[in-house]
């Protein structure tokens, strides 16, 4: 039996009402579910990205730290080898002998050869080298920069550096006080060995000045964030090259206090 127009209209409204009810009940749930899935997907993806970023940064920092350890270890080995070299010991014996301050040309030739070899091998890292005994009685250097004056005072350096039983010292980033260049405020990092004291017959220094640019390139290579940066710190100062917002700067005094409270470190030397 066919529906009358009135019955068809009633059925239409009943169907529409049921459809509207279903849509009213389930559509918000579906929308909320979609939003929730999207949020969870974003949260999981963001977490994975953060984790991956932290791992990548950690790996890069570890690689740079290992690289610096290797390079600085090799530098110290060169300093140790040079100060124990037979040619260096011969020069010291000549200074300490009865014929005070008497050298033969071979003393200068062999030491000059040793300095040139070290300087050329580590040229990307070394700024200058200096060997000075007995206030210039024996004096040699290697340097890429044209210096109008070379100013080294053993007494001044010995006054400031006295607390190492082995007389090996590290001087963090500073203006070069030895190789004076016109119009230049070159900054270096110094690794050196001091000999004797102002009262001994033999006194002097073997000095390796390291390039600030070498450390700048290594420390600035890792892109942590806009105001994130790497630094090298020791008990005589900090080494930072990146310009960051004031609020992101680390208090060097606090770091140095932490170093003093919790000293730690290892250096392996092969000989």
C-alpha atoms as a PDB file:
ATOM      1  CA  UNK A   1       0.000   0.000   0.000  1.00  0.00           C
ATOM      2  CA  UNK A   2       1.339   3.343  -1.008  1.00  0.00           C
ATOM      3  CA  UNK A   3       2.045   5.987   1.596  1.00  0.00           C
ATOM      4  CA  UNK A   4      -0.069   9.038   1.477  1.00  0.00           C
ATOM      5  CA  UNK A   5       1.703  12.384   1.088  1.00  0.00           C
ATOM      6  CA  UNK A   6       1.067  13.052   4.774  1.00  0.00           C
ATOM      7  CA  UNK A   7       2.674   9.766   5.860  1.00  0.00           C
ATOM      8  CA  UNK A   8       5.642  10.361   3.552  1.00  0.00           C
ATOM      9  CA  UNK A   9       6.173  13.782   5.121  1.00  0.00           C
ATOM     10  CA  UNK A  10       6.015  12.288   8.623  1.00  0.00           C
ATOM     11  CA  UNK A  11       8.505   9.558   7.661  1.00  0.00           C
ATOM     12  CA  UNK A  12      10.821  12.187   6.176  1.00  0.00           C
ATOM     13  CA  UNK A  13      10.852  14.226   9.364  1.00  0.00           C
ATOM     14  CA  UNK A  14      11.348  11.087  11.439  1.00  0.00           C
ATOM     15  CA  UNK A  15      14.356  10.098   9.301  1.00  0.00           C
ATOM     16  CA  UNK A  16      15.719  13.641   9.375  1.00  0.00           C
ATOM     17  CA  UNK A  17      15.267  13.791  13.140  1.00  0.00           C
ATOM     18  CA  UNK A  18      17.107  10.481  13.582  1.00  0.00           C
ATOM     19  CA  UNK A  19      19.888  11.614  11.248  1.00  0.00           C
ATOM     20  CA  UNK A  20      20.174  14.931  13.064  1.00  0.00           C
ATOM     21  CA  UNK A  21      20.268  13.133  16.402  1.00  0.00           C
ATOM     22  CA  UNK A  22      23.011  10.794  15.216  1.00  0.00           C
ATOM     23  CA  UNK A  23      25.000  13.679  13.768  1.00  0.00           C
ATOM     24  CA  UNK A  24      24.501  15.703  16.934  1.00  0.00           C
ATOM     25  CA  UNK A  25      25.728  12.856  19.108  1.00  0.00           C
ATOM     26  CA  UNK A  26      28.609  11.485  17.087  1.00  0.00           C
ATOM     27  CA  UNK A  27      29.965  14.444  15.125  1.00  0.00           C
ATOM     28  CA  UNK A  28      31.394  16.207  18.213  1.00  0.00           C
ATOM     29  CA  UNK A  29      32.933  12.906  19.303  1.00  0.00           C
ATOM     30  CA  UNK A  30      34.469  12.436  15.871  1.00  0.00           C
ATOM     31  CA  UNK A  31      35.791  16.015  15.842  1.00  0.00           C
ATOM     32  CA  UNK A  32      37.246  15.630  19.337  1.00  0.00           C
ATOM     33  CA  UNK A  33      38.744  12.275  18.367  1.00  0.00           C
ATOM     34  CA  UNK A  34      40.357  13.743  15.248  1.00  0.00           C
ATOM     35  CA  UNK A  35      41.735  16.691  17.246  1.00  0.00           C
ATOM     36  CA  UNK A  36      43.024  14.329  19.932  1.00  0.00           C
ATOM     37  CA  UNK A  37      44.690  12.073  17.353  1.00  0.00           C
ATOM     38  CA  UNK A  38      46.263  15.130  15.727  1.00  0.00           C
ATOM     39  CA  UNK A  39      47.518  16.446  19.064  1.00  0.00           C
ATOM     40  CA  UNK A  40      48.918  13.060  20.080  1.00  0.00           C
ATOM     41  CA  UNK A  41      50.598  12.661  16.698  1.00  0.00           C
ATOM     42  CA  UNK A  42      52.126  16.142  16.998  1.00  0.00           C
ATOM     43  CA  UNK A  43      53.214  15.500  20.590  1.00  0.00           C
ATOM     44  CA  UNK A  44      54.826  12.171  19.691  1.00  0.00           C
ATOM     45  CA  UNK A  45      56.489  13.628  16.589  1.00  0.00           C
ATOM     46  CA  UNK A  46      57.717  16.675  18.528  1.00  0.00           C
ATOM     47  CA  UNK A  47      59.071  14.410  21.252  1.00  0.00           C
ATOM     48  CA  UNK A  48      60.869  12.289  18.694  1.00  0.00           C
ATOM     49  CA  UNK A  49      62.297  15.402  17.041  1.00  0.00           C
ATOM     50  CA  UNK A  50      63.452  16.774  20.412  1.00  0.00           C
ATOM     51  CA  UNK A  51      64.991  13.445  21.338  1.00  0.00           C
ATOM     52  CA  UNK A  52      66.669  13.155  17.954  1.00  0.00           C
ATOM     53  CA  UNK A  53      67.915  16.748  18.224  1.00  0.00           C
ATOM     54  CA  UNK A  54      69.331  16.168  21.708  1.00  0.00           C
ATOM     55  CA  UNK A  55      71.038  12.987  20.530  1.00  0.00           C
ATOM     56  CA  UNK A  56      72.487  14.735  17.477  1.00  0.00           C
ATOM     57  CA  UNK A  57      73.729  17.678  19.557  1.00  0.00           C
ATOM     58  CA  UNK A  58      75.146  15.320  22.168  1.00  0.00           C
ATOM     59  CA  UNK A  59      76.939  13.348  19.451  1.00  0.00           C
ATOM     60  CA  UNK A  60      78.355  16.519  17.876  1.00  0.00           C
ATOM     61  CA  UNK A  61      79.509  17.847  21.255  1.00  0.00           C
ATOM     62  CA  UNK A  62      81.128  14.501  22.057  1.00  0.00           C
ATOM     63  CA  UNK A  63      82.864  14.479  18.669  1.00  0.00           C
ATOM     64  CA  UNK A  64      84.181  18.013  19.181  1.00  0.00           C
ATOM     65  CA  UNK A  65      85.308  17.170  22.717  1.00  0.00           C
ATOM     66  CA  UNK A  66      87.153  14.086  21.482  1.00  0.00           C
ATOM     67  CA  UNK A  67      88.715  16.099  18.661  1.00  0.00           C
ATOM     68  CA  UNK A  68      89.911  18.812  21.043  1.00  0.00           C
ATOM     69  CA  UNK A  69      91.215  16.225  23.500  1.00  0.00           C
ATOM     70  CA  UNK A  70      93.155  14.543  20.713  1.00  0.00           C
ATOM     71  CA  UNK A  71      94.608  17.799  19.387  1.00  0.00           C
ATOM     72  CA  UNK A  72      95.494  19.189  22.806  1.00  0.00           C
ATOM     73  CA  UNK A  73      96.933  15.843  23.848  1.00  0.00           C
ATOM     74  CA  UNK A  74      99.114  15.817  20.732  1.00  0.00           C
ATOM     75  CA  UNK A  75     100.196  19.400  21.451  1.00  0.00           C
ATOM     76  CA  UNK A  76     101.224  18.544  24.986  1.00  0.00           C
ATOM     77  CA  UNK A  77     103.077  15.493  23.713  1.00  0.00           C
ATOM     78  CA  UNK A  78     105.048  17.762  21.373  1.00  0.00           C
ATOM     79  CA  UNK A  79     105.922  20.083  24.256  1.00  0.00           C
ATOM     80  CA  UNK A  80     106.933  17.146  26.441  1.00  0.00           C
ATOM     81  CA  UNK A  81     109.003  15.623  23.648  1.00  0.00           C
ATOM     82  CA  UNK A  82     110.754  18.919  22.883  1.00  0.00           C
ATOM     83  CA  UNK A  83     111.722  19.597  26.476  1.00  0.00           C
ATOM     84  CA  UNK A  84     113.088  16.045  26.800  1.00  0.00           C
ATOM     85  CA  UNK A  85     114.834  16.137  23.421  1.00  0.00           C
ATOM     86  CA  UNK A  86     118.575  15.531  23.489  1.00  0.00           C
ATOM     87  CA  UNK A  87     119.169  18.867  21.752  1.00  0.00           C
ATOM     88  CA  UNK A  88     117.237  20.752  24.441  1.00  0.00           C
ATOM     89  CA  UNK A  89     119.046  18.882  27.200  1.00  0.00           C
ATOM     90  CA  UNK A  90     122.376  19.685  25.528  1.00  0.00           C
ATOM     91  CA  UNK A  91     121.544  23.401  25.497  1.00  0.00           C
ATOM     92  CA  UNK A  92     120.640  23.247  29.188  1.00  0.00           C
ATOM     93  CA  UNK A  93     123.908  21.454  29.931  1.00  0.00           C
ATOM     94  CA  UNK A  94     125.826  24.166  28.087  1.00  0.00           C
ATOM     95  CA  UNK A  95     124.048  26.812  30.156  1.00  0.00           C
ATOM     96  CA  UNK A  96     124.710  24.918  33.351  1.00  0.00           C
ATOM     97  CA  UNK A  97     128.327  24.088  32.540  1.00  0.00           C
ATOM     98  CA  UNK A  98     131.467  25.872  33.510  1.00  0.00           C
ATOM     99  CA  UNK A  99     131.622  27.768  30.232  1.00  0.00           C
ATOM    100  CA  UNK A 100     128.428  29.631  31.008  1.00  0.00           C
ATOM    101  CA  UNK A 101     126.379  30.642  27.987  1.00  0.00           C
ATOM    102  CA  UNK A 102     128.711  29.067  25.422  1.00  0.00           C
ATOM    103  CA  UNK A 103     126.981  27.512  22.426  1.00  0.00           C
ATOM    104  CA  UNK A 104     128.037  26.074  19.130  1.00  0.00           C
ATOM    105  CA  UNK A 105     126.189  26.779  15.839  1.00  0.00           C
ATOM    106  CA  UNK A 106     124.756  23.260  15.833  1.00  0.00           C
ATOM    107  CA  UNK A 107     122.776  24.090  18.987  1.00  0.00           C
ATOM    108  CA  UNK A 108     120.817  26.747  17.124  1.00  0.00           C
ATOM    109  CA  UNK A 109     120.521  24.712  13.926  1.00  0.00           C
ATOM    110  CA  UNK A 110     119.094  21.619  15.600  1.00  0.00           C
ATOM    111  CA  UNK A 111     116.670  23.563  17.807  1.00  0.00           C
ATOM    112  CA  UNK A 112     115.565  25.721  14.891  1.00  0.00           C
ATOM    113  CA  UNK A 113     114.912  22.573  12.861  1.00  0.00           C
ATOM    114  CA  UNK A 114     112.823  21.103  15.695  1.00  0.00           C
ATOM    115  CA  UNK A 115     110.736  24.272  16.043  1.00  0.00           C
ATOM    116  CA  UNK A 116     110.123  24.550  12.304  1.00  0.00           C
ATOM    117  CA  UNK A 117     109.057  20.914  12.093  1.00  0.00           C
ATOM    118  CA  UNK A 118     106.547  21.301  14.933  1.00  0.00           C
ATOM    119  CA  UNK A 119     105.251  24.619  13.618  1.00  0.00           C
ATOM    120  CA  UNK A 120     104.691  23.327  10.087  1.00  0.00           C
ATOM    121  CA  UNK A 121     103.061  20.110  11.291  1.00  0.00           C
ATOM    122  CA  UNK A 122     100.584  21.942  13.532  1.00  0.00           C
ATOM    123  CA  UNK A 123     100.349  25.227  11.631  1.00  0.00           C
ATOM    124  CA  UNK A 124      96.536  25.273  11.647  1.00  0.00           C
ATOM    125  CA  UNK A 125      96.645  25.207  15.435  1.00  0.00           C
ATOM    126  CA  UNK A 126      99.867  27.037  16.370  1.00  0.00           C
ATOM    127  CA  UNK A 127     100.195  30.804  16.334  1.00  0.00           C
ATOM    128  CA  UNK A 128     103.797  31.013  17.531  1.00  0.00           C
ATOM    129  CA  UNK A 129     106.568  29.126  19.322  1.00  0.00           C
ATOM    130  CA  UNK A 130     109.255  30.489  21.616  1.00  0.00           C
ATOM    131  CA  UNK A 131     112.367  29.088  23.265  1.00  0.00           C
ATOM    132  CA  UNK A 132     114.134  31.500  25.607  1.00  0.00           C
ATOM    133  CA  UNK A 133     116.798  30.598  28.157  1.00  0.00           C
ATOM    134  CA  UNK A 134     118.589  32.913  30.562  1.00  0.00           C
ATOM    135  CA  UNK A 135     116.926  36.139  29.410  1.00  0.00           C
ATOM    136  CA  UNK A 136     117.799  35.769  25.750  1.00  0.00           C
ATOM    137  CA  UNK A 137     121.179  34.030  26.031  1.00  0.00           C
ATOM    138  CA  UNK A 138     119.609  31.326  23.908  1.00  0.00           C
ATOM    139  CA  UNK A 139     116.628  32.569  21.927  1.00  0.00           C
ATOM    140  CA  UNK A 140     114.627  31.154  18.988  1.00  0.00           C
ATOM    141  CA  UNK A 141     111.048  31.496  17.803  1.00  0.00           C
ATOM    142  CA  UNK A 142     108.582  30.699  15.020  1.00  0.00           C
ATOM    143  CA  UNK A 143     105.733  33.048  14.179  1.00  0.00           C
ATOM    144  CA  UNK A 144     103.419  33.709  11.215  1.00  0.00           C
ATOM    145  CA  UNK A 145     102.749  37.305  12.235  1.00  0.00           C
ATOM    146  CA  UNK A 146     105.187  40.149  11.693  1.00  0.00           C
ATOM    147  CA  UNK A 147     106.174  41.277  15.178  1.00  0.00           C
ATOM    148  CA  UNK A 148     107.874  44.631  15.703  1.00  0.00           C
ATOM    149  CA  UNK A 149     108.885  43.562  19.191  1.00  0.00           C
ATOM    150  CA  UNK A 150     109.239  40.304  21.068  1.00  0.00           C
ATOM    151  CA  UNK A 151     108.792  40.987  24.736  1.00  0.00           C
ATOM    152  CA  UNK A 152     109.390  38.134  27.166  1.00  0.00           C
ATOM    153  CA  UNK A 153     110.315  38.648  30.807  1.00  0.00           C
ATOM    154  CA  UNK A 154     111.073  35.458  32.685  1.00  0.00           C
ATOM    155  CA  UNK A 155     110.739  37.202  36.044  1.00  0.00           C
ATOM    156  CA  UNK A 156     107.219  38.429  35.221  1.00  0.00           C
ATOM    157  CA  UNK A 157     106.035  35.038  34.039  1.00  0.00           C
ATOM    158  CA  UNK A 158     107.596  33.210  36.975  1.00  0.00           C
ATOM    159  CA  UNK A 159     105.857  35.623  39.348  1.00  0.00           C
ATOM    160  CA  UNK A 160     102.446  34.727  37.900  1.00  0.00           C
ATOM    161  CA  UNK A 161     102.988  31.002  37.320  1.00  0.00           C
ATOM    162  CA  UNK A 162     104.265  29.133  40.351  1.00  0.00           C
ATOM    163  CA  UNK A 163     101.680  26.543  41.399  1.00  0.00           C
ATOM    164  CA  UNK A 164     102.555  23.555  39.192  1.00  0.00           C
ATOM    165  CA  UNK A 165     105.010  20.983  40.593  1.00  0.00           C
ATOM    166  CA  UNK A 166     105.949  19.942  37.041  1.00  0.00           C
ATOM    167  CA  UNK A 167     106.138  23.582  35.826  1.00  0.00           C
ATOM    168  CA  UNK A 168     103.766  22.891  32.919  1.00  0.00           C
ATOM    169  CA  UNK A 169     101.109  25.572  32.523  1.00  0.00           C
ATOM    170  CA  UNK A 170      97.987  26.403  30.530  1.00  0.00           C
ATOM    171  CA  UNK A 171      96.960  30.035  30.079  1.00  0.00           C
ATOM    172  CA  UNK A 172      93.431  30.395  28.757  1.00  0.00           C
ATOM    173  CA  UNK A 173      92.389  32.927  26.097  1.00  0.00           C
ATOM    174  CA  UNK A 174      94.355  36.191  26.502  1.00  0.00           C
ATOM    175  CA  UNK A 175      96.036  38.952  24.521  1.00  0.00           C
ATOM    176  CA  UNK A 176      99.484  37.967  23.356  1.00  0.00           C
ATOM    177  CA  UNK A 177     101.975  39.859  25.558  1.00  0.00           C
ATOM    178  CA  UNK A 178     105.091  38.545  23.785  1.00  0.00           C
ATOM    179  CA  UNK A 179     104.778  38.988  20.026  1.00  0.00           C
ATOM    180  CA  UNK A 180     103.858  42.651  19.654  1.00  0.00           C
ATOM    181  CA  UNK A 181     102.312  43.493  16.266  1.00  0.00           C
ATOM    182  CA  UNK A 182     101.340  47.061  15.261  1.00  0.00           C
ATOM    183  CA  UNK A 183      97.590  47.613  15.371  1.00  0.00           C
ATOM    184  CA  UNK A 184      96.935  44.048  16.457  1.00  0.00           C
ATOM    185  CA  UNK A 185      95.270  42.771  19.591  1.00  0.00           C
ATOM    186  CA  UNK A 186      95.854  39.119  18.802  1.00  0.00           C
ATOM    187  CA  UNK A 187      94.477  36.665  21.330  1.00  0.00           C
ATOM    188  CA  UNK A 188      96.111  33.309  21.947  1.00  0.00           C
ATOM    189  CA  UNK A 189      96.033  30.347  24.294  1.00  0.00           C
ATOM    190  CA  UNK A 190      99.391  29.419  25.800  1.00  0.00           C
ATOM    191  CA  UNK A 191     100.804  26.032  26.738  1.00  0.00           C
ATOM    192  CA  UNK A 192     104.314  26.206  28.148  1.00  0.00           C
ATOM    193  CA  UNK A 193     107.054  24.778  30.317  1.00  0.00           C
ATOM    194  CA  UNK A 194     109.009  26.982  32.717  1.00  0.00           C
ATOM    195  CA  UNK A 195     112.526  26.172  33.886  1.00  0.00           C
ATOM    196  CA  UNK A 196     114.198  27.141  37.129  1.00  0.00           C
ATOM    197  CA  UNK A 197     113.619  30.336  39.080  1.00  0.00           C
ATOM    198  CA  UNK A 198     115.243  33.806  39.122  1.00  0.00           C
ATOM    199  CA  UNK A 199     118.039  32.501  41.382  1.00  0.00           C
ATOM    200  CA  UNK A 200     119.011  29.377  39.413  1.00  0.00           C
ATOM    201  CA  UNK A 201     121.779  29.163  36.844  1.00  0.00           C
ATOM    202  CA  UNK A 202     119.404  27.911  34.150  1.00  0.00           C
ATOM    203  CA  UNK A 203     116.008  29.507  33.720  1.00  0.00           C
ATOM    204  CA  UNK A 204     113.725  29.912  30.759  1.00  0.00           C
ATOM    205  CA  UNK A 205     110.643  28.849  28.857  1.00  0.00           C
ATOM    206  CA  UNK A 206     109.452  26.674  25.996  1.00  0.00           C
ATOM    207  CA  UNK A 207     106.183  28.226  24.846  1.00  0.00           C
ATOM    208  CA  UNK A 208     103.486  27.112  22.407  1.00  0.00           C
ATOM    209  CA  UNK A 209     100.913  29.800  21.558  1.00  0.00           C
ATOM    210  CA  UNK A 210      97.719  28.314  20.101  1.00  0.00           C
ATOM    211  CA  UNK A 211      95.476  30.140  17.637  1.00  0.00           C
ATOM    212  CA  UNK A 212      92.190  31.517  18.964  1.00  0.00           C
ATOM    213  CA  UNK A 213      90.682  30.980  15.491  1.00  0.00           C
ATOM    214  CA  UNK A 214      91.271  27.244  15.767  1.00  0.00           C
ATOM    215  CA  UNK A 215      89.160  27.034  18.915  1.00  0.00           C
ATOM    216  CA  UNK A 216      86.584  29.489  17.538  1.00  0.00           C
ATOM    217  CA  UNK A 217      85.980  27.262  14.528  1.00  0.00           C
ATOM    218  CA  UNK A 218      85.579  24.126  16.641  1.00  0.00           C
ATOM    219  CA  UNK A 219      83.357  25.666  19.326  1.00  0.00           C
ATOM    220  CA  UNK A 220      81.085  27.540  16.901  1.00  0.00           C
ATOM    221  CA  UNK A 221      80.669  24.576  14.564  1.00  0.00           C
ATOM    222  CA  UNK A 222      77.928  22.993  16.689  1.00  0.00           C
ATOM    223  CA  UNK A 223      74.654  24.888  16.152  1.00  0.00           C
ATOM    224  CA  UNK A 224      72.810  24.261  19.416  1.00  0.00           C
ATOM    225  CA  UNK A 225      70.282  27.088  19.320  1.00  0.00           C
ATOM    226  CA  UNK A 226      70.127  30.836  18.828  1.00  0.00           C
ATOM    227  CA  UNK A 227      71.654  31.457  22.252  1.00  0.00           C
ATOM    228  CA  UNK A 228      73.241  28.067  22.814  1.00  0.00           C
ATOM    229  CA  UNK A 229      77.007  27.716  22.673  1.00  0.00           C
ATOM    230  CA  UNK A 230      80.020  25.669  23.684  1.00  0.00           C
ATOM    231  CA  UNK A 231      82.785  26.969  25.899  1.00  0.00           C
ATOM    232  CA  UNK A 232      86.112  25.882  27.338  1.00  0.00           C
ATOM    233  CA  UNK A 233      86.808  26.813  30.905  1.00  0.00           C
ATOM    234  CA  UNK A 234      89.729  26.333  33.234  1.00  0.00           C
ATOM    235  CA  UNK A 235      90.679  27.719  36.613  1.00  0.00           C
ATOM    236  CA  UNK A 236      92.197  30.814  34.985  1.00  0.00           C
ATOM    237  CA  UNK A 237      89.276  31.822  32.776  1.00  0.00           C
ATOM    238  CA  UNK A 238      86.740  30.888  30.121  1.00  0.00           C
ATOM    239  CA  UNK A 239      86.859  30.683  26.333  1.00  0.00           C
ATOM    240  CA  UNK A 240      83.658  31.737  24.520  1.00  0.00           C
ATOM    241  CA  UNK A 241      83.384  33.135  20.994  1.00  0.00           C
ATOM    242  CA  UNK A 242      79.645  33.339  20.283  1.00  0.00           C
ATOM    243  CA  UNK A 243      77.779  36.589  20.918  1.00  0.00           C
ATOM    244  CA  UNK A 244      74.551  35.762  22.738  1.00  0.00           C
ATOM    245  CA  UNK A 245      71.828  37.601  24.619  1.00  0.00           C
ATOM    246  CA  UNK A 246      72.876  38.778  28.092  1.00  0.00           C
ATOM    247  CA  UNK A 247      70.440  36.416  29.835  1.00  0.00           C
ATOM    248  CA  UNK A 248      72.064  33.423  28.084  1.00  0.00           C
ATOM    249  CA  UNK A 249      75.596  34.206  29.211  1.00  0.00           C
ATOM    250  CA  UNK A 250      77.051  31.840  31.766  1.00  0.00           C
ATOM    251  CA  UNK A 251      78.480  33.354  34.918  1.00  0.00           C
ATOM    252  CA  UNK A 252      82.178  32.558  34.593  1.00  0.00           C
ATOM    253  CA  UNK A 253      82.788  33.188  38.301  1.00  0.00           C
ATOM    254  CA  UNK A 254      80.213  30.561  39.209  1.00  0.00           C
ATOM    255  CA  UNK A 255      81.751  28.068  36.794  1.00  0.00           C
ATOM    256  CA  UNK A 256      85.222  28.692  38.184  1.00  0.00           C
ATOM    257  CA  UNK A 257      83.866  28.135  41.690  1.00  0.00           C
ATOM    258  CA  UNK A 258      82.395  24.813  40.572  1.00  0.00           C
ATOM    259  CA  UNK A 259      85.755  23.845  39.111  1.00  0.00           C
ATOM    260  CA  UNK A 260      87.436  24.671  42.381  1.00  0.00           C
ATOM    261  CA  UNK A 261      84.850  22.718  44.385  1.00  0.00           C
ATOM    262  CA  UNK A 262      84.845  19.701  42.070  1.00  0.00           C
ATOM    263  CA  UNK A 263      88.170  19.415  40.245  1.00  0.00           C
ATOM    264  CA  UNK A 264      88.306  16.598  37.722  1.00  0.00           C
ATOM    265  CA  UNK A 265      90.048  15.604  34.535  1.00  0.00           C
ATOM    266  CA  UNK A 266      92.337  13.125  32.848  1.00  0.00           C
ATOM    267  CA  UNK A 267      95.192  13.546  30.414  1.00  0.00           C
ATOM    268  CA  UNK A 268      96.959  10.558  28.898  1.00  0.00           C
ATOM    269  CA  UNK A 269     100.435  11.054  27.497  1.00  0.00           C
ATOM    270  CA  UNK A 270     102.206   8.414  25.424  1.00  0.00           C
ATOM    271  CA  UNK A 271     105.973   8.415  25.356  1.00  0.00           C
END
